[in-house]
Protein backbone atom coordinates (compact mmCIF):
# COMPACT_ATOMS: atom_id res chain seq x y z
CA MET A 1 175.03 286.24 173.18
CA ARG A 2 177.36 286.43 170.26
CA PHE A 3 177.02 282.95 169.07
CA TYR A 4 172.82 283.50 169.08
CA GLY A 5 173.29 286.90 166.98
CA ALA A 6 175.76 285.40 164.60
CA PHE A 7 173.80 282.16 164.10
CA ASN A 8 170.34 283.92 163.62
CA ALA A 9 171.87 286.07 160.81
CA LEU A 10 173.16 282.89 159.39
CA TYR A 11 170.16 281.42 159.68
CA CYS A 12 168.18 284.01 158.14
CA ARG A 13 170.31 284.43 155.15
CA THR A 14 170.41 280.43 154.48
CA LYS A 15 166.77 279.90 154.79
CA SER A 16 166.14 280.66 151.14
CA SER A 17 168.50 277.86 150.27
CA ASN A 18 166.16 275.09 151.42
CA SER A 19 169.00 273.27 152.61
CA GLU A 20 169.72 272.08 156.17
CA LEU A 21 173.24 271.04 155.46
CA VAL A 22 174.15 274.21 154.07
CA CYS A 23 173.34 275.94 157.45
CA VAL A 24 175.25 273.35 159.39
CA GLU A 25 178.28 273.99 157.36
CA LEU A 26 178.24 277.41 157.75
CA LEU A 27 177.30 276.94 161.35
CA LYS A 28 180.59 274.53 161.66
CA SER A 29 182.79 276.93 159.90
CA PHE A 30 181.68 280.48 161.41
CA CYS A 31 180.03 279.79 164.74
CA LEU A 32 182.15 277.01 166.28
CA PRO A 33 185.24 278.79 165.98
CA MET A 34 183.60 281.63 167.83
CA ILE A 35 182.85 279.15 170.53
CA LEU A 36 185.89 277.10 170.50
CA TYR A 37 188.02 280.48 170.64
CA ALA A 38 191.22 279.87 173.43
CA SER A 39 189.24 276.86 174.68
CA GLU A 40 192.85 275.16 174.80
CA VAL A 41 193.85 277.73 177.08
CA THR A 42 191.23 278.06 179.69
CA ASP A 43 190.68 274.21 179.88
CA PRO A 44 187.03 274.41 180.31
CA THR A 45 185.28 272.12 182.92
CA LYS A 46 182.45 269.65 182.11
CA SER A 47 179.68 271.99 182.93
CA VAL A 48 181.07 274.68 180.72
CA LEU A 49 181.03 272.41 177.61
CA ALA A 50 177.79 270.87 178.52
CA MET A 51 176.48 274.72 178.43
CA LEU A 52 178.43 275.47 175.24
CA ASP A 53 177.03 271.88 173.51
CA ASN A 54 173.52 273.25 174.54
CA LEU A 55 174.17 275.77 172.07
CA ILE A 56 174.69 273.79 169.45
CA ASP A 57 171.88 271.81 170.35
CA ARG A 58 169.53 274.74 170.44
CA ALA A 59 170.77 276.00 166.89
CA VAL A 60 170.49 272.33 165.32
CA VAL A 61 167.01 272.16 166.53
CA LYS A 62 166.12 275.45 164.75
CA ILE A 63 167.92 274.28 161.79
CA PHE A 64 166.08 271.08 161.37
CA LYS A 65 163.02 271.82 163.32
CA SER A 66 162.82 268.64 165.40
CA GLN A 67 163.72 267.74 168.74
CA GLU A 68 164.40 263.84 168.44
CA ILE A 69 167.84 262.75 170.23
CA VAL A 70 168.10 259.78 167.64
CA LEU A 71 168.65 262.58 164.96
CA PHE A 72 171.26 264.42 166.89
CA MET A 73 173.41 261.08 167.32
CA LYS A 74 173.20 260.60 163.70
CA LEU A 75 174.08 264.34 162.79
CA ASP A 76 177.16 263.85 165.66
CA THR A 77 178.62 260.67 163.70
CA SER A 78 178.13 261.85 159.91
CA LEU A 79 179.04 266.06 160.26
CA ASP A 80 182.02 265.13 162.47
CA CYS A 81 182.59 267.42 165.52
CA MET A 82 178.91 268.86 166.11
CA MET A 83 179.45 268.53 170.04
CA LEU A 84 182.32 270.02 172.01
CA HIS A 85 184.16 267.77 174.08
CA PRO A 86 185.71 265.81 171.02
CA CYS A 87 186.50 269.29 169.60
CA VAL A 88 188.21 270.72 172.69
CA LYS A 89 190.38 267.29 173.47
CA ARG A 90 191.38 267.02 169.69
CA GLY A 91 192.45 270.69 169.82
CA VAL A 92 190.11 271.62 166.61
């Protein structure tokens, strides 16, 4: 729930910038640490990681106003670590 509150506040404030990349970078720098906090200690299961990945997917859908899977695949490769599975394994 804290993630959605933080993301919605961030999204409302960056809407006037007319740049999706600004919002994505702020999502990575402010909201991802909120999700990844203590992930190394708890060793989350695949189902928990999938649930947390869904949080990020919903945020990206809201930012880009699109639900195309191709967009998500391109974003994952170009924006470095928008899915949590690689982030938790790397210890980011």
